[in-house]
Structure formats: structure tokens, C-alpha cells
Amino acid sequence: MILIVSAMQEEVIEIKKINSDKFNCLVTGIGKVNAALKLSEYLSKHKVDYIINLGFAGGNIAYDVNDVVLINQAAYHDFDLTLFGYKKGQVPGFPEVFGSNTDMVNAIKEKLDYVKDGFLFTGDYFMTEPIEKPSVFDMEGTSLFQVAHYYNIPMVSLKLISDVIGMKDHFKSYKVFEQTTGSHVLAKICKDLLEVSYEGNHHI
């Protein structure tokens, strides 16, 4: 079974209308702890073959609103143990960065020609400060990767750019996006993903 994971009900309104027995949908709530708690709880009770994280994210210099970004790697921007020799964002006992499953990434890129590559930064605040490295930002994604890594379940993340750091009327523009077109675009992405052939013998 495929598990589609999102943070907010606003992201999955249209996804839940898709008539398919290929996936279940989990809404975690906002923030790293909520995301990790809800996903861990679900995985402890259900068999899951793949995790797909779909949701809104902010972007910076490399992206525009409505871009669809396939996350290659993810890390925390608000976790720092560099004093003790770790990379910034690295949690002790875990990799320096987390990554989407390579086979799933390759299959998606082969079929979905509209996706862009991206690095995801996750933290427990709505990012408004610019970072020079081309990046996208959310409040849950990396914690989902951390849980998936712990349970050894393949995962991929695709983010729909809802706002760009530094844009005019940043918060207002985000709220309009959230309440209008965002969920419809995520549903289209979900439908496209369900048609992607993975490992040559079945669909994502």
C-alpha cells in the first residue's frame, strides 16, 4: 500500500476525492513533532510499501509559484550540533542529509517532465529569511524522511511551491494560494504519480 502524507487538510481536499485503492492518505498536522508522531503511529499499525509526501512549500531564488519540486535531499535548518562535530541539520545517529528513494526519483523524472529538482530545508517556523542555496522550505518533510529512514521504508517527496521568499505580500499571497488552486494541483500530481511505473513491474 502507498501512503500519501501531507501536513494539512487544505492540501488533501482534492486528493481524497480520487477513486483509487492504491493509496491511503495521512494528514499529520503542522510541525516536525506532529509529522513524526503521526507517521510513526501509522507505521506501527499498518504495512506500507512506499511513502509519498505531497504538500505546499516555500521556495527561493530558483523557483516560482506553482513549480513542482521533486526533493532529492532534505535536512533541518533549525537543528545545529556543529559544536560537537556534526553537520548543521544532522541528528546524531542519522545521515547528514536524508534523500528520496533513487529508483522512485528516476521513475518519476522519466514520466513527469514538469518536475524540478530541489533540496528541502525543514524547520519549526515559517521561513521568510533568504538562503542563497536554491532550496525549498517546509515544516514537516525532513522529519517524515527521518521516520521513513528509521522504519526502512522507501520515500519520495514532491513539493508544490506556494510562495517565494521575498515576494510582495508574502503571507497574503500564500493564503490565497492555499485556499484556491493549491489542492487541485496536488491532486493532479497524485494522479500522475499513480501512473508511474516503479521497478518495472508495478506502479507507484
N, C-alpha and C. Protein backbone atom coordinates (compact mmCIF):
# COMPACT_ATOMS: atom_id res chain seq x y z
N MET A 1 0.84 -1.20 0.00
CA MET A 1 0.00 0.00 0.00
C MET A 1 0.88 1.25 0.00
N ILE A 2 0.47 2.24 -0.77
CA ILE A 2 1.14 3.53 -0.81
C ILE A 2 0.51 4.43 0.25
N LEU A 3 1.33 5.16 0.98
CA LEU A 3 0.82 6.14 1.93
C LEU A 3 1.17 7.54 1.46
N ILE A 4 0.13 8.32 1.17
CA ILE A 4 0.31 9.73 0.83
C ILE A 4 0.25 10.52 2.13
N VAL A 5 1.30 11.28 2.42
CA VAL A 5 1.38 12.02 3.68
C VAL A 5 1.43 13.52 3.39
N SER A 6 0.55 14.26 4.04
CA SER A 6 0.52 15.72 3.93
C SER A 6 0.32 16.30 5.32
N ALA A 7 0.61 17.58 5.45
CA ALA A 7 0.51 18.22 6.77
C ALA A 7 -0.89 18.73 7.06
N MET A 8 -1.58 19.25 6.02
CA MET A 8 -2.82 19.99 6.25
C MET A 8 -3.98 19.42 5.46
N GLN A 9 -5.17 19.56 6.01
CA GLN A 9 -6.37 19.16 5.28
C GLN A 9 -6.51 19.94 3.98
N GLU A 10 -6.06 21.20 3.97
CA GLU A 10 -6.17 22.03 2.77
C GLU A 10 -5.38 21.43 1.60
N GLU A 11 -4.37 20.64 1.90
CA GLU A 11 -3.55 20.04 0.85
C GLU A 11 -4.20 18.79 0.25
N VAL A 12 -5.06 18.13 0.98
CA VAL A 12 -5.57 16.82 0.54
C VAL A 12 -7.05 16.82 0.19
N ILE A 13 -7.69 17.98 0.22
CA ILE A 13 -9.13 18.04 -0.07
C ILE A 13 -9.46 17.34 -1.39
N GLU A 14 -8.72 17.66 -2.43
CA GLU A 14 -8.99 17.08 -3.75
C GLU A 14 -8.38 15.69 -3.90
N ILE A 15 -7.26 15.43 -3.23
CA ILE A 15 -6.65 14.10 -3.29
C ILE A 15 -7.62 13.05 -2.76
N LYS A 16 -8.32 13.38 -1.69
CA LYS A 16 -9.25 12.43 -1.08
C LYS A 16 -10.43 12.10 -1.98
N LYS A 17 -10.65 12.89 -3.03
CA LYS A 17 -11.73 12.63 -3.96
C LYS A 17 -11.33 11.64 -5.07
N ILE A 18 -10.03 11.31 -5.13
CA ILE A 18 -9.56 10.38 -6.15
C ILE A 18 -10.03 8.97 -5.80
N ASN A 19 -10.66 8.33 -6.75
CA ASN A 19 -11.20 6.99 -6.53
C ASN A 19 -10.12 5.94 -6.87
N SER A 20 -9.39 5.51 -5.86
CA SER A 20 -8.32 4.54 -6.09
C SER A 20 -8.10 3.72 -4.82
N ASP A 21 -7.82 2.45 -5.01
CA ASP A 21 -7.50 1.58 -3.87
C ASP A 21 -5.99 1.39 -3.73
N LYS A 22 -5.22 2.22 -4.46
CA LYS A 22 -3.76 2.09 -4.44
C LYS A 22 -3.11 2.78 -3.24
N PHE A 23 -3.83 3.73 -2.63
CA PHE A 23 -3.18 4.51 -1.59
C PHE A 23 -4.13 4.84 -0.44
N ASN A 24 -3.54 5.11 0.70
CA ASN A 24 -4.23 5.73 1.82
C ASN A 24 -3.62 7.11 2.04
N CYS A 25 -4.35 7.95 2.74
CA CYS A 25 -3.93 9.33 2.93
C CYS A 25 -3.83 9.63 4.42
N LEU A 26 -2.71 10.21 4.84
CA LEU A 26 -2.49 10.57 6.23
C LEU A 26 -2.22 12.07 6.34
N VAL A 27 -2.98 12.75 7.19
CA VAL A 27 -2.75 14.16 7.48
C VAL A 27 -2.15 14.25 8.88
N THR A 28 -0.97 14.84 8.98
CA THR A 28 -0.22 14.79 10.23
C THR A 28 -0.44 15.98 11.15
N GLY A 29 -0.86 17.11 10.59
CA GLY A 29 -0.80 18.35 11.34
C GLY A 29 0.53 19.04 11.07
N ILE A 30 0.61 20.30 11.46
CA ILE A 30 1.77 21.15 11.13
C ILE A 30 2.88 20.98 12.16
N GLY A 31 4.12 20.97 11.67
CA GLY A 31 5.28 20.94 12.54
C GLY A 31 5.97 19.58 12.58
N LYS A 32 7.25 19.61 12.96
CA LYS A 32 8.08 18.41 12.93
C LYS A 32 7.58 17.33 13.88
N VAL A 33 7.23 17.70 15.09
CA VAL A 33 6.81 16.70 16.07
C VAL A 33 5.49 16.06 15.65
N ASN A 34 4.54 16.87 15.23
CA ASN A 34 3.26 16.31 14.75
C ASN A 34 3.48 15.34 13.60
N ALA A 35 4.33 15.73 12.65
CA ALA A 35 4.58 14.89 11.47
C ALA A 35 5.20 13.56 11.88
N ALA A 36 6.24 13.62 12.71
CA ALA A 36 6.92 12.39 13.13
C ALA A 36 6.01 11.52 13.98
N LEU A 37 5.26 12.14 14.87
CA LEU A 37 4.36 11.38 15.75
C LEU A 37 3.30 10.64 14.96
N LYS A 38 2.62 11.34 14.07
CA LYS A 38 1.52 10.73 13.32
C LYS A 38 2.01 9.65 12.36
N LEU A 39 3.13 9.91 11.69
CA LEU A 39 3.64 8.90 10.76
C LEU A 39 4.12 7.67 11.52
N SER A 40 4.83 7.86 12.62
CA SER A 40 5.29 6.72 13.41
C SER A 40 4.12 5.90 13.92
N GLU A 41 3.09 6.58 14.40
CA GLU A 41 1.90 5.88 14.89
C GLU A 41 1.27 5.04 13.78
N TYR A 42 1.17 5.63 12.59
CA TYR A 42 0.56 4.92 11.47
C TYR A 42 1.39 3.70 11.08
N LEU A 43 2.70 3.87 10.97
CA LEU A 43 3.57 2.78 10.52
C LEU A 43 3.63 1.65 11.54
N SER A 44 3.39 1.95 12.79
CA SER A 44 3.40 0.90 13.81
C SER A 44 2.18 0.00 13.72
N LYS A 45 1.16 0.43 12.98
CA LYS A 45 -0.09 -0.32 12.91
C LYS A 45 -0.44 -0.81 11.52
N HIS A 46 0.25 -0.31 10.47
CA HIS A 46 -0.11 -0.65 9.10
C HIS A 46 1.12 -1.01 8.28
N LYS A 47 0.94 -1.89 7.31
CA LYS A 47 2.01 -2.21 6.37
C LYS A 47 1.99 -1.17 5.25
N VAL A 48 3.12 -0.56 5.00
CA VAL A 48 3.26 0.47 3.97
C VAL A 48 4.43 0.10 3.08
N ASP A 49 4.21 0.11 1.76
CA ASP A 49 5.28 -0.21 0.81
C ASP A 49 6.11 1.02 0.45
N TYR A 50 5.43 2.15 0.25
CA TYR A 50 6.10 3.39 -0.12
C TYR A 50 5.40 4.55 0.56
N ILE A 51 6.18 5.58 0.85
CA ILE A 51 5.63 6.83 1.38
C ILE A 51 5.85 7.92 0.34
N ILE A 52 4.79 8.67 0.04
CA ILE A 52 4.89 9.83 -0.84
C ILE A 52 4.41 11.05 -0.06
N ASN A 53 5.30 11.99 0.15
CA ASN A 53 4.95 13.24 0.83
C ASN A 53 4.58 14.28 -0.23
N LEU A 54 3.34 14.73 -0.20
CA LEU A 54 2.86 15.78 -1.10
C LEU A 54 2.42 16.97 -0.27
N GLY A 55 2.84 18.16 -0.67
CA GLY A 55 2.41 19.33 0.10
C GLY A 55 2.94 20.62 -0.46
N PHE A 56 2.51 21.71 0.18
CA PHE A 56 2.97 23.04 -0.19
C PHE A 56 4.34 23.29 0.43
N ALA A 57 5.11 24.15 -0.22
CA ALA A 57 6.39 24.57 0.33
C ALA A 57 6.75 25.95 -0.21
N GLY A 58 7.52 26.67 0.57
CA GLY A 58 8.07 27.93 0.09
C GLY A 58 9.31 27.67 -0.74
N GLY A 59 9.62 28.60 -1.61
CA GLY A 59 10.81 28.47 -2.44
C GLY A 59 11.65 29.73 -2.37
N ASN A 60 12.84 29.66 -2.94
CA ASN A 60 13.66 30.87 -3.03
C ASN A 60 14.06 31.13 -4.47
N ILE A 61 15.26 31.58 -4.69
CA ILE A 61 15.67 32.16 -5.96
C ILE A 61 15.48 31.27 -7.19
N ALA A 62 15.43 29.97 -6.99
CA ALA A 62 15.39 29.06 -8.14
C ALA A 62 13.98 28.71 -8.59
N TYR A 63 12.95 29.18 -7.87
CA TYR A 63 11.61 28.67 -8.10
C TYR A 63 10.57 29.79 -8.21
N ASP A 64 9.45 29.41 -8.84
CA ASP A 64 8.30 30.28 -8.96
C ASP A 64 7.08 29.58 -8.37
N VAL A 65 6.07 30.36 -8.01
CA VAL A 65 4.82 29.79 -7.54
C VAL A 65 4.27 28.84 -8.60
N ASN A 66 3.78 27.68 -8.16
CA ASN A 66 3.24 26.60 -8.98
C ASN A 66 4.29 25.64 -9.54
N ASP A 67 5.57 25.89 -9.29
CA ASP A 67 6.57 24.89 -9.65
C ASP A 67 6.36 23.64 -8.81
N VAL A 68 6.61 22.48 -9.42
CA VAL A 68 6.55 21.20 -8.70
C VAL A 68 7.98 20.71 -8.53
N VAL A 69 8.39 20.54 -7.28
CA VAL A 69 9.78 20.23 -6.98
C VAL A 69 9.89 18.82 -6.41
N LEU A 70 10.68 18.00 -7.08
CA LEU A 70 10.98 16.65 -6.62
C LEU A 70 12.19 16.74 -5.70
N ILE A 71 11.99 16.41 -4.43
CA ILE A 71 13.04 16.59 -3.44
C ILE A 71 14.09 15.48 -3.57
N ASN A 72 15.33 15.88 -3.81
CA ASN A 72 16.43 14.93 -3.86
C ASN A 72 16.99 14.66 -2.47
N GLN A 73 17.21 15.74 -1.72
CA GLN A 73 17.76 15.62 -0.38
C GLN A 73 17.03 16.58 0.56
N ALA A 74 17.09 16.26 1.86
CA ALA A 74 16.39 17.07 2.85
C ALA A 74 17.18 17.12 4.15
N ALA A 75 17.10 18.26 4.83
CA ALA A 75 17.78 18.45 6.11
C ALA A 75 17.01 19.47 6.93
N TYR A 76 17.34 19.56 8.22
CA TYR A 76 16.73 20.56 9.09
C TYR A 76 17.54 21.86 9.02
N HIS A 77 16.84 23.00 9.03
CA HIS A 77 17.56 24.27 9.08
C HIS A 77 17.60 24.85 10.49
N ASP A 78 16.92 24.20 11.43
CA ASP A 78 16.87 24.72 12.79
C ASP A 78 17.42 23.71 13.81
N PHE A 79 18.28 22.82 13.35
CA PHE A 79 18.92 21.83 14.23
C PHE A 79 20.42 21.97 14.06
N ASP A 80 21.16 22.25 15.13
CA ASP A 80 22.58 22.58 14.98
C ASP A 80 23.40 22.00 16.13
N LEU A 81 24.14 20.94 15.82
CA LEU A 81 25.10 20.37 16.77
C LEU A 81 26.51 20.40 16.18
N THR A 82 26.79 21.44 15.40
CA THR A 82 28.11 21.55 14.77
C THR A 82 29.22 21.68 15.82
N LEU A 83 28.89 22.19 16.99
CA LEU A 83 29.87 22.31 18.08
C LEU A 83 30.44 20.95 18.45
N PHE A 84 29.65 19.89 18.22
CA PHE A 84 30.07 18.54 18.58
C PHE A 84 30.53 17.72 17.37
N GLY A 85 30.76 18.40 16.25
CA GLY A 85 31.33 17.73 15.09
C GLY A 85 30.33 17.22 14.08
N TYR A 86 29.06 17.51 14.28
CA TYR A 86 28.04 17.09 13.31
C TYR A 86 27.86 18.18 12.25
N LYS A 87 27.35 17.77 11.09
CA LYS A 87 26.97 18.75 10.08
C LYS A 87 25.74 19.50 10.55
N LYS A 88 25.63 20.75 10.15
CA LYS A 88 24.44 21.51 10.54
C LYS A 88 23.19 20.81 9.98
N GLY A 89 22.22 20.59 10.83
CA GLY A 89 21.00 19.91 10.45
C GLY A 89 21.03 18.42 10.69
N GLN A 90 22.20 17.87 11.03
CA GLN A 90 22.31 16.42 11.23
C GLN A 90 21.90 16.03 12.64
N VAL A 91 21.05 15.01 12.74
CA VAL A 91 20.64 14.46 14.02
C VAL A 91 21.57 13.29 14.34
N PRO A 92 22.14 13.24 15.54
CA PRO A 92 23.03 12.13 15.88
C PRO A 92 22.37 10.77 15.65
N GLY A 93 23.12 9.88 15.02
CA GLY A 93 22.60 8.55 14.72
C GLY A 93 21.91 8.45 13.38
N PHE A 94 21.83 9.57 12.65
CA PHE A 94 21.17 9.59 11.35
C PHE A 94 22.11 10.21 10.31
N PRO A 95 21.81 10.05 9.01
CA PRO A 95 22.68 10.60 7.97
C PRO A 95 22.77 12.13 8.03
N GLU A 96 23.79 12.67 7.37
CA GLU A 96 23.94 14.13 7.30
C GLU A 96 22.74 14.76 6.61
N VAL A 97 22.25 14.11 5.56
CA VAL A 97 21.02 14.53 4.88
C VAL A 97 20.22 13.28 4.56
N PHE A 98 18.92 13.46 4.44
CA PHE A 98 18.05 12.37 4.00
C PHE A 98 17.76 12.54 2.51
N GLY A 99 17.42 11.44 1.85
CA GLY A 99 17.17 11.54 0.43
C GLY A 99 15.96 10.74 -0.01
N SER A 100 15.31 11.21 -1.07
CA SER A 100 14.24 10.43 -1.69
C SER A 100 14.84 9.16 -2.29
N ASN A 101 14.04 8.10 -2.33
CA ASN A 101 14.48 6.84 -2.90
C ASN A 101 14.88 7.03 -4.36
N THR A 102 16.09 6.60 -4.70
CA THR A 102 16.65 6.86 -6.03
C THR A 102 15.83 6.23 -7.15
N ASP A 103 15.39 5.00 -6.97
CA ASP A 103 14.61 4.33 -8.01
C ASP A 103 13.29 5.06 -8.25
N MET A 104 12.66 5.50 -7.18
CA MET A 104 11.40 6.22 -7.32
C MET A 104 11.63 7.57 -8.00
N VAL A 105 12.70 8.25 -7.62
CA VAL A 105 13.03 9.54 -8.24
C VAL A 105 13.23 9.37 -9.74
N ASN A 106 14.00 8.37 -10.13
CA ASN A 106 14.28 8.15 -11.56
C ASN A 106 13.01 7.82 -12.33
N ALA A 107 12.14 7.00 -11.75
CA ALA A 107 10.89 6.65 -12.42
C ALA A 107 10.00 7.87 -12.59
N ILE A 108 9.93 8.70 -11.56
CA ILE A 108 9.09 9.90 -11.62
C ILE A 108 9.63 10.89 -12.65
N LYS A 109 10.94 11.11 -12.67
CA LYS A 109 11.53 12.06 -13.60
C LYS A 109 11.37 11.61 -15.04
N GLU A 110 11.31 10.30 -15.25
CA GLU A 110 11.14 9.77 -16.61
C GLU A 110 9.74 10.05 -17.13
N LYS A 111 8.75 10.06 -16.26
CA LYS A 111 7.35 10.19 -16.68
C LYS A 111 6.77 11.58 -16.47
N LEU A 112 7.24 12.29 -15.46
CA LEU A 112 6.69 13.61 -15.14
C LEU A 112 7.70 14.68 -15.55
N ASP A 113 7.54 15.17 -16.77
CA ASP A 113 8.55 16.09 -17.30
C ASP A 113 8.44 17.50 -16.74
N TYR A 114 7.45 17.74 -15.91
CA TYR A 114 7.28 19.10 -15.37
C TYR A 114 7.95 19.31 -14.02
N VAL A 115 8.54 18.25 -13.43
CA VAL A 115 9.13 18.41 -12.10
C VAL A 115 10.52 19.02 -12.19
N LYS A 116 10.86 19.79 -11.16
CA LYS A 116 12.20 20.33 -10.99
C LYS A 116 12.85 19.65 -9.79
N ASP A 117 14.19 19.65 -9.76
CA ASP A 117 14.91 19.09 -8.63
C ASP A 117 15.01 20.13 -7.52
N GLY A 118 15.14 19.63 -6.28
CA GLY A 118 15.29 20.59 -5.19
C GLY A 118 15.81 19.98 -3.91
N PHE A 119 16.36 20.84 -3.07
CA PHE A 119 16.83 20.50 -1.73
C PHE A 119 15.83 21.08 -0.74
N LEU A 120 15.38 20.25 0.20
CA LEU A 120 14.37 20.68 1.16
C LEU A 120 15.00 20.99 2.51
N PHE A 121 14.67 22.18 3.04
CA PHE A 121 15.00 22.53 4.42
C PHE A 121 13.72 22.54 5.24
N THR A 122 13.76 21.89 6.39
CA THR A 122 12.59 21.81 7.27
C THR A 122 12.92 22.45 8.62
N GLY A 123 11.96 23.21 9.15
CA GLY A 123 12.12 23.80 10.47
C GLY A 123 10.79 24.21 11.04
N ASP A 124 10.78 24.48 12.33
CA ASP A 124 9.52 24.78 13.01
C ASP A 124 9.18 26.27 13.01
N TYR A 125 9.45 26.93 11.92
CA TYR A 125 8.91 28.28 11.73
C TYR A 125 8.77 28.55 10.24
N PHE A 126 7.85 29.42 9.91
CA PHE A 126 7.57 29.78 8.51
C PHE A 126 8.73 30.63 8.01
N MET A 127 9.48 30.09 7.08
CA MET A 127 10.72 30.71 6.62
C MET A 127 10.44 31.97 5.80
N THR A 128 11.04 33.09 6.21
CA THR A 128 10.94 34.34 5.46
C THR A 128 12.31 34.94 5.18
N GLU A 129 13.36 34.35 5.76
CA GLU A 129 14.72 34.85 5.55
C GLU A 129 15.35 34.13 4.36
N PRO A 130 15.96 34.88 3.44
CA PRO A 130 16.53 34.26 2.24
C PRO A 130 17.74 33.38 2.54
N ILE A 131 17.86 32.28 1.80
CA ILE A 131 19.05 31.43 1.80
C ILE A 131 19.54 31.36 0.36
N GLU A 132 20.83 31.58 0.16
CA GLU A 132 21.35 31.69 -1.20
C GLU A 132 21.28 30.38 -1.97
N LYS A 133 21.46 29.27 -1.30
CA LYS A 133 21.39 27.97 -1.98
C LYS A 133 19.98 27.74 -2.51
N PRO A 134 19.83 27.35 -3.79
CA PRO A 134 18.48 27.05 -4.30
C PRO A 134 17.81 25.99 -3.44
N SER A 135 16.69 26.36 -2.84
CA SER A 135 16.08 25.49 -1.84
C SER A 135 14.59 25.69 -1.76
N VAL A 136 13.91 24.70 -1.15
CA VAL A 136 12.50 24.84 -0.78
C VAL A 136 12.40 24.59 0.72
N PHE A 137 11.30 25.07 1.32
CA PHE A 137 11.20 25.10 2.76
C PHE A 137 9.81 24.65 3.22
N ASP A 138 9.80 23.78 4.24
CA ASP A 138 8.53 23.40 4.85
C ASP A 138 8.75 23.18 6.34
N MET A 139 7.72 22.65 7.02
CA MET A 139 7.80 22.47 8.46
C MET A 139 7.63 21.00 8.87
N GLU A 140 7.65 20.07 7.89
CA GLU A 140 7.42 18.66 8.21
C GLU A 140 8.31 17.67 7.46
N GLY A 141 8.69 17.98 6.23
CA GLY A 141 9.23 16.99 5.31
C GLY A 141 10.41 16.19 5.82
N THR A 142 11.42 16.86 6.37
CA THR A 142 12.61 16.14 6.81
C THR A 142 12.31 15.19 7.96
N SER A 143 11.38 15.56 8.83
CA SER A 143 11.01 14.66 9.92
C SER A 143 10.32 13.41 9.38
N LEU A 144 9.57 13.54 8.28
CA LEU A 144 8.98 12.37 7.64
C LEU A 144 10.07 11.47 7.07
N PHE A 145 11.07 12.09 6.44
CA PHE A 145 12.21 11.31 5.93
C PHE A 145 12.93 10.58 7.07
N GLN A 146 13.07 11.25 8.20
CA GLN A 146 13.76 10.62 9.33
C GLN A 146 13.00 9.39 9.83
N VAL A 147 11.68 9.50 9.92
CA VAL A 147 10.87 8.36 10.34
C VAL A 147 10.92 7.24 9.31
N ALA A 148 10.82 7.59 8.03
CA ALA A 148 10.89 6.59 6.96
C ALA A 148 12.24 5.87 7.00
N HIS A 149 13.31 6.62 7.25
CA HIS A 149 14.64 6.02 7.37
C HIS A 149 14.68 5.03 8.53
N TYR A 150 14.10 5.41 9.65
CA TYR A 150 14.09 4.55 10.84
C TYR A 150 13.34 3.24 10.56
N TYR A 151 12.21 3.34 9.85
CA TYR A 151 11.42 2.16 9.54
C TYR A 151 11.87 1.45 8.27
N ASN A 152 12.87 2.02 7.58
CA ASN A 152 13.42 1.44 6.35
C ASN A 152 12.34 1.29 5.27
N ILE A 153 11.58 2.34 5.07
CA ILE A 153 10.53 2.35 4.05
C ILE A 153 10.89 3.38 2.98
N PRO A 154 10.89 3.00 1.70
CA PRO A 154 11.22 3.95 0.63
C PRO A 154 10.27 5.14 0.65
N MET A 155 10.82 6.31 0.43
CA MET A 155 10.02 7.53 0.46
C MET A 155 10.48 8.51 -0.61
N VAL A 156 9.54 9.25 -1.12
CA VAL A 156 9.83 10.35 -2.04
C VAL A 156 8.95 11.53 -1.65
N SER A 157 9.45 12.73 -1.92
CA SER A 157 8.70 13.93 -1.57
C SER A 157 8.61 14.85 -2.79
N LEU A 158 7.39 15.34 -3.04
CA LEU A 158 7.19 16.35 -4.09
C LEU A 158 6.48 17.54 -3.47
N LYS A 159 7.03 18.71 -3.71
CA LYS A 159 6.50 19.92 -3.11
C LYS A 159 6.00 20.88 -4.19
N LEU A 160 4.85 21.44 -3.95
CA LEU A 160 4.27 22.46 -4.82
C LEU A 160 4.60 23.82 -4.24
N ILE A 161 5.29 24.65 -5.01
CA ILE A 161 5.71 25.95 -4.50
C ILE A 161 4.49 26.87 -4.36
N SER A 162 4.22 27.24 -3.13
CA SER A 162 3.05 28.08 -2.81
C SER A 162 3.41 29.54 -2.63
N ASP A 163 4.68 29.80 -2.36
CA ASP A 163 5.13 31.18 -2.11
C ASP A 163 6.64 31.23 -2.30
N VAL A 164 7.15 32.41 -2.59
CA VAL A 164 8.57 32.60 -2.81
C VAL A 164 9.07 33.64 -1.81
N ILE A 165 10.13 33.30 -1.10
CA ILE A 165 10.67 34.21 -0.09
C ILE A 165 11.04 35.55 -0.73
N GLY A 166 10.55 36.61 -0.14
CA GLY A 166 10.82 37.95 -0.65
C GLY A 166 9.76 38.49 -1.59
N MET A 167 8.77 37.67 -1.93
CA MET A 167 7.72 38.12 -2.83
C MET A 167 6.86 39.20 -2.16
N LYS A 168 6.20 40.00 -2.97
CA LYS A 168 5.32 41.04 -2.46
C LYS A 168 4.10 40.41 -1.79
N ASP A 169 3.70 40.96 -0.65
CA ASP A 169 2.55 40.45 0.09
C ASP A 169 2.68 38.94 0.32
N HIS A 170 3.81 38.55 0.88
CA HIS A 170 4.17 37.15 1.03
C HIS A 170 3.06 36.33 1.70
N PHE A 171 2.68 36.70 2.90
CA PHE A 171 1.69 35.92 3.64
C PHE A 171 0.33 35.92 2.95
N LYS A 172 -0.09 37.07 2.48
CA LYS A 172 -1.38 37.17 1.79
C LYS A 172 -1.41 36.30 0.55
N SER A 173 -0.33 36.33 -0.23
CA SER A 173 -0.26 35.52 -1.45
C SER A 173 -0.31 34.04 -1.12
N TYR A 174 0.37 33.64 -0.05
CA TYR A 174 0.34 32.24 0.35
C TYR A 174 -1.08 31.81 0.72
N LYS A 175 -1.78 32.61 1.49
CA LYS A 175 -3.13 32.24 1.93
C LYS A 175 -4.09 32.11 0.74
N VAL A 176 -3.94 32.99 -0.24
CA VAL A 176 -4.79 32.90 -1.43
C VAL A 176 -4.51 31.58 -2.15
N PHE A 177 -3.24 31.26 -2.31
CA PHE A 177 -2.86 30.01 -2.97
C PHE A 177 -3.43 28.81 -2.22
N GLU A 178 -3.27 28.81 -0.91
CA GLU A 178 -3.72 27.70 -0.07
C GLU A 178 -5.22 27.46 -0.22
N GLN A 179 -5.97 28.53 -0.34
CA GLN A 179 -7.43 28.45 -0.32
C GLN A 179 -8.05 28.29 -1.71
N THR A 180 -7.24 28.35 -2.77
CA THR A 180 -7.80 28.31 -4.13
C THR A 180 -7.24 27.14 -4.94
N THR A 181 -6.13 27.35 -5.62
CA THR A 181 -5.66 26.39 -6.62
C THR A 181 -4.80 25.25 -6.07
N GLY A 182 -4.21 25.44 -4.90
CA GLY A 182 -3.20 24.51 -4.42
C GLY A 182 -3.63 23.06 -4.37
N SER A 183 -4.78 22.78 -3.78
CA SER A 183 -5.21 21.39 -3.60
C SER A 183 -5.52 20.71 -4.93
N HIS A 184 -5.99 21.48 -5.91
CA HIS A 184 -6.28 20.92 -7.23
C HIS A 184 -5.00 20.48 -7.93
N VAL A 185 -3.94 21.28 -7.80
CA VAL A 185 -2.67 20.92 -8.43
C VAL A 185 -2.08 19.69 -7.75
N LEU A 186 -2.15 19.61 -6.43
CA LEU A 186 -1.64 18.44 -5.72
C LEU A 186 -2.39 17.18 -6.13
N ALA A 187 -3.69 17.29 -6.36
CA ALA A 187 -4.47 16.13 -6.80
C ALA A 187 -4.01 15.67 -8.17
N LYS A 188 -3.72 16.61 -9.07
CA LYS A 188 -3.21 16.24 -10.40
C LYS A 188 -1.87 15.52 -10.28
N ILE A 189 -1.00 16.03 -9.42
CA ILE A 189 0.29 15.38 -9.21
C ILE A 189 0.08 13.95 -8.71
N CYS A 190 -0.83 13.80 -7.75
CA CYS A 190 -1.12 12.48 -7.19
C CYS A 190 -1.59 11.51 -8.28
N LYS A 191 -2.50 11.97 -9.12
CA LYS A 191 -3.00 11.12 -10.21
C LYS A 191 -1.86 10.72 -11.15
N ASP A 192 -0.99 11.67 -11.47
CA ASP A 192 0.14 11.37 -12.34
C ASP A 192 1.08 10.35 -11.70
N LEU A 193 1.30 10.47 -10.39
CA LEU A 193 2.19 9.55 -9.69
C LEU A 193 1.64 8.13 -9.71
N LEU A 194 0.35 7.98 -9.64
CA LEU A 194 -0.25 6.65 -9.63
C LEU A 194 -0.08 5.92 -10.96
N GLU A 195 0.32 6.65 -11.99
CA GLU A 195 0.56 6.04 -13.30
C GLU A 195 2.03 5.80 -13.58
N VAL A 196 2.89 6.14 -12.63
CA VAL A 196 4.33 5.96 -12.83
C VAL A 196 4.72 4.52 -12.54
N SER A 197 5.39 3.90 -13.47
CA SER A 197 5.88 2.53 -13.30
C SER A 197 7.14 2.56 -12.45
N TYR A 198 7.16 1.74 -11.41
CA TYR A 198 8.27 1.71 -10.48
C TYR A 198 8.86 0.31 -10.42
N GLU A 199 10.17 0.20 -10.60
CA GLU A 199 10.90 -1.07 -10.59
C GLU A 199 10.42 -2.02 -11.67
N GLY A 200 9.77 -1.47 -12.70
CA GLY A 200 9.48 -2.23 -13.89
C GLY A 200 8.31 -3.18 -13.84
N ASN A 201 7.74 -3.44 -12.66
CA ASN A 201 6.70 -4.47 -12.60
C ASN A 201 5.42 -4.04 -11.88
N HIS A 202 5.39 -2.84 -11.36
CA HIS A 202 4.14 -2.34 -10.79
C HIS A 202 4.21 -0.82 -10.74
N HIS A 203 3.10 -0.24 -10.37
CA HIS A 203 3.02 1.22 -10.33
C HIS A 203 3.29 1.75 -8.94
N ILE A 204 3.78 3.00 -8.90
CA ILE A 204 3.86 3.67 -7.61
C ILE A 204 2.46 3.74 -7.03
